[in-house]
Amino acid sequence: MTATPIPLGKKEIFVKWITRNGRRVYASQYGLQAFRIIVDA
């Protein structure tokens, strides 16, 4: 997997869980340590 470049004015954060349809989804359920999320800087 190749890393996607981060657009200007954005930054990346890594989180252990995200919310989908009102339920927590943990990265470990997908064999990951964390999800990568791009947010405004």
PDB file of N, CA and C in Angstrom:
ATOM      1  N   MET A   1       0.845  -1.172   0.000  1.00  0.00           N
ATOM      2  CA  MET A   1       0.000   0.000   0.000  1.00  0.00           C
ATOM      3  C   MET A   1       0.890   1.235   0.000  1.00  0.00           C
ATOM      4  N   THR A   2       0.566   2.195  -0.831  1.00  0.00           N
ATOM      5  CA  THR A   2       1.339   3.428  -0.890  1.00  0.00           C
ATOM      6  C   THR A   2       0.629   4.515  -0.100  1.00  0.00           C
ATOM      7  N   ALA A   3       1.400   5.389   0.486  1.00  0.00           N
ATOM      8  CA  ALA A   3       0.839   6.486   1.273  1.00  0.00           C
ATOM      9  C   ALA A   3       0.331   7.591   0.340  1.00  0.00           C
ATOM     10  N   THR A   4      -0.819   8.121   0.667  1.00  0.00           N
ATOM     11  CA  THR A   4      -1.399   9.225  -0.093  1.00  0.00           C
ATOM     12  C   THR A   4      -0.813  10.531   0.425  1.00  0.00           C
ATOM     13  N   PRO A   5      -0.363  11.432  -0.465  1.00  0.00           N
ATOM     14  CA  PRO A   5       0.181  12.703   0.010  1.00  0.00           C
ATOM     15  C   PRO A   5      -0.896  13.526   0.726  1.00  0.00           C
ATOM     16  N   ILE A   6      -0.483  14.272   1.725  1.00  0.00           N
ATOM     17  CA  ILE A   6      -1.409  15.082   2.511  1.00  0.00           C
ATOM     18  C   ILE A   6      -1.529  16.452   1.861  1.00  0.00           C
ATOM     19  N   PRO A   7      -2.754  16.905   1.561  1.00  0.00           N
ATOM     20  CA  PRO A   7      -2.940  18.226   0.940  1.00  0.00           C
ATOM     21  C   PRO A   7      -2.477  19.353   1.864  1.00  0.00           C
ATOM     22  N   LEU A   8      -2.142  20.490   1.281  1.00  0.00           N
ATOM     23  CA  LEU A   8      -1.745  21.645   2.075  1.00  0.00           C
ATOM     24  C   LEU A   8      -2.913  22.087   2.956  1.00  0.00           C
ATOM     25  N   GLY A   9      -2.610  22.509   4.174  1.00  0.00           N
ATOM     26  CA  GLY A   9      -3.635  22.953   5.099  1.00  0.00           C
ATOM     27  C   GLY A   9      -4.310  21.815   5.844  1.00  0.00           C
ATOM     28  N   LYS A  10      -3.834  20.603   5.653  1.00  0.00           N
ATOM     29  CA  LYS A  10      -4.388  19.429   6.328  1.00  0.00           C
ATOM     30  C   LYS A  10      -3.292  18.759   7.140  1.00  0.00           C
ATOM     31  N   LYS A  11      -3.681  17.901   8.075  1.00  0.00           N
ATOM     32  CA  LYS A  11      -2.714  17.086   8.808  1.00  0.00           C
ATOM     33  C   LYS A  11      -3.343  15.725   9.043  1.00  0.00           C
ATOM     34  N   GLU A  12      -2.528  14.744   9.356  1.00  0.00           N
ATOM     35  CA  GLU A  12      -3.050  13.414   9.601  1.00  0.00           C
ATOM     36  C   GLU A  12      -2.982  13.094  11.091  1.00  0.00           C
ATOM     37  N   ILE A  13      -4.003  12.385  11.546  1.00  0.00           N
ATOM     38  CA  ILE A  13      -4.003  11.896  12.919  1.00  0.00           C
ATOM     39  C   ILE A  13      -4.305  10.406  12.871  1.00  0.00           C
ATOM     40  N   PHE A  14      -3.940   9.703  13.915  1.00  0.00           N
ATOM     41  CA  PHE A  14      -4.181   8.277  14.002  1.00  0.00           C
ATOM     42  C   PHE A  14      -5.027   8.006  15.242  1.00  0.00           C
ATOM     43  N   VAL A  15      -6.111   7.250  15.067  1.00  0.00           N
ATOM     44  CA  VAL A  15      -7.028   6.960  16.169  1.00  0.00           C
ATOM     45  C   VAL A  15      -7.271   5.459  16.258  1.00  0.00           C
ATOM     46  N   LYS A  16      -7.516   4.979  17.481  1.00  0.00           N
ATOM     47  CA  LYS A  16      -7.751   3.551  17.711  1.00  0.00           C
ATOM     48  C   LYS A  16      -9.151   3.113  17.300  1.00  0.00           C
ATOM     49  N   TRP A  17     -10.122   4.043  17.316  1.00  0.00           N
ATOM     50  CA  TRP A  17     -11.482   3.685  16.937  1.00  0.00           C
ATOM     51  C   TRP A  17     -12.166   4.843  16.234  1.00  0.00           C
ATOM     52  N   ILE A  18     -13.156   4.515  15.420  1.00  0.00           N
ATOM     53  CA  ILE A  18     -13.985   5.502  14.745  1.00  0.00           C
ATOM     54  C   ILE A  18     -15.443   5.112  14.978  1.00  0.00           C
ATOM     55  N   THR A  19     -16.364   6.023  14.712  1.00  0.00           N
ATOM     56  CA  THR A  19     -17.784   5.747  14.879  1.00  0.00           C
ATOM     57  C   THR A  19     -18.427   5.589  13.513  1.00  0.00           C
ATOM     58  N   ARG A  20     -19.104   4.489  13.316  1.00  0.00           N
ATOM     59  CA  ARG A  20     -19.841   4.214  12.082  1.00  0.00           C
ATOM     60  C   ARG A  20     -21.261   3.788  12.465  1.00  0.00           C
ATOM     61  N   ASN A  21     -22.244   4.497  11.968  1.00  0.00           N
ATOM     62  CA  ASN A  21     -23.645   4.183  12.238  1.00  0.00           C
ATOM     63  C   ASN A  21     -23.933   4.100  13.739  1.00  0.00           C
ATOM     64  N   GLY A  22     -23.306   4.986  14.517  1.00  0.00           N
ATOM     65  CA  GLY A  22     -23.542   5.032  15.954  1.00  0.00           C
ATOM     66  C   GLY A  22     -22.838   3.964  16.757  1.00  0.00           C
ATOM     67  N   ARG A  23     -21.975   3.181  16.138  1.00  0.00           N
ATOM     68  CA  ARG A  23     -21.248   2.130  16.842  1.00  0.00           C
ATOM     69  C   ARG A  23     -19.754   2.351  16.700  1.00  0.00           C
ATOM     70  N   ARG A  24     -19.009   2.012  17.746  1.00  0.00           N
ATOM     71  CA  ARG A  24     -17.549   2.122  17.677  1.00  0.00           C
ATOM     72  C   ARG A  24     -16.986   0.962  16.872  1.00  0.00           C
ATOM     73  N   VAL A  25     -16.098   1.307  15.962  1.00  0.00           N
ATOM     74  CA  VAL A  25     -15.382   0.308  15.174  1.00  0.00           C
ATOM     75  C   VAL A  25     -13.913   0.454  15.535  1.00  0.00           C
ATOM     76  N   TYR A  26     -13.333  -0.599  16.073  1.00  0.00           N
ATOM     77  CA  TYR A  26     -11.943  -0.562  16.514  1.00  0.00           C
ATOM     78  C   TYR A  26     -11.017  -1.029  15.399  1.00  0.00           C
ATOM     79  N   ALA A  27      -9.871  -0.373  15.295  1.00  0.00           N
ATOM     80  CA  ALA A  27      -8.888  -0.717  14.267  1.00  0.00           C
ATOM     81  C   ALA A  27      -8.430  -2.165  14.407  1.00  0.00           C
ATOM     82  N   SER A  28      -8.350  -2.651  15.625  1.00  0.00           N
ATOM     83  CA  SER A  28      -7.895  -4.026  15.858  1.00  0.00           C
ATOM     84  C   SER A  28      -8.831  -5.057  15.230  1.00  0.00           C
ATOM     85  N   GLN A  29     -10.096  -4.697  15.002  1.00  0.00           N
ATOM     86  CA  GLN A  29     -11.028  -5.598  14.335  1.00  0.00           C
ATOM     87  C   GLN A  29     -10.637  -5.819  12.878  1.00  0.00           C
ATOM     88  N   TYR A  30      -9.825  -4.913  12.336  1.00  0.00           N
ATOM     89  CA  TYR A  30      -9.373  -5.002  10.953  1.00  0.00           C
ATOM     90  C   TYR A  30      -7.880  -5.327  10.860  1.00  0.00           C
ATOM     91  N   GLY A  31      -7.286  -5.734  11.973  1.00  0.00           N
ATOM     92  CA  GLY A  31      -5.877  -6.099  11.977  1.00  0.00           C
ATOM     93  C   GLY A  31      -4.948  -4.900  11.917  1.00  0.00           C
ATOM     94  N   LEU A  32      -5.440  -3.727  12.309  1.00  0.00           N
ATOM     95  CA  LEU A  32      -4.644  -2.504  12.287  1.00  0.00           C
ATOM     96  C   LEU A  32      -4.364  -2.036  13.711  1.00  0.00           C
ATOM     97  N   GLN A  33      -3.354  -1.187  13.865  1.00  0.00           N
ATOM     98  CA  GLN A  33      -3.101  -0.567  15.154  1.00  0.00           C
ATOM     99  C   GLN A  33      -3.905   0.708  15.302  1.00  0.00           C
ATOM    100  N   ALA A  34      -4.162   1.408  14.186  1.00  0.00           N
ATOM    101  CA  ALA A  34      -4.924   2.650  14.229  1.00  0.00           C
ATOM    102  C   ALA A  34      -5.437   2.982  12.834  1.00  0.00           C
ATOM    103  N   PHE A  35      -6.498   3.803  12.782  1.00  0.00           N
ATOM    104  CA  PHE A  35      -7.007   4.336  11.528  1.00  0.00           C
ATOM    105  C   PHE A  35      -6.318   5.681  11.257  1.00  0.00           C
ATOM    106  N   ARG A  36      -6.038   5.963  10.007  1.00  0.00           N
ATOM    107  CA  ARG A  36      -5.435   7.251   9.599  1.00  0.00           C
ATOM    108  C   ARG A  36      -6.555   8.155   9.120  1.00  0.00           C
ATOM    109  N   ILE A  37      -6.652   9.352   9.707  1.00  0.00           N
ATOM    110  CA  ILE A  37      -7.683  10.317   9.345  1.00  0.00           C
ATOM    111  C   ILE A  37      -7.007  11.633   8.996  1.00  0.00           C
ATOM    112  N   ILE A  38      -7.442  12.255   7.905  1.00  0.00           N
ATOM    113  CA  ILE A  38      -6.900  13.556   7.489  1.00  0.00           C
ATOM    114  C   ILE A  38      -7.897  14.639   7.900  1.00  0.00           C
ATOM    115  N   VAL A  39      -7.419  15.629   8.646  1.00  0.00           N
ATOM    116  CA  VAL A  39      -8.266  16.714   9.170  1.00  0.00           C
ATOM    117  C   VAL A  39      -7.642  18.072   8.830  1.00  0.00           C
ATOM    118  N   ASP A  40      -8.427  19.136   9.009  1.00  0.00           N
ATOM    119  CA  ASP A  40      -7.898  20.484   8.813  1.00  0.00           C
ATOM    120  C   ASP A  40      -6.826  20.781   9.852  1.00  0.00           C
ATOM    121  N   ALA A  41      -5.791  21.495   9.437  1.00  0.00           N
ATOM    122  CA  ALA A  41      -4.675  21.789  10.347  1.00  0.00           C
ATOM    123  C   ALA A  41      -4.998  22.833  11.358  1.00  0.00           C
TER     124      ALA A  41
END
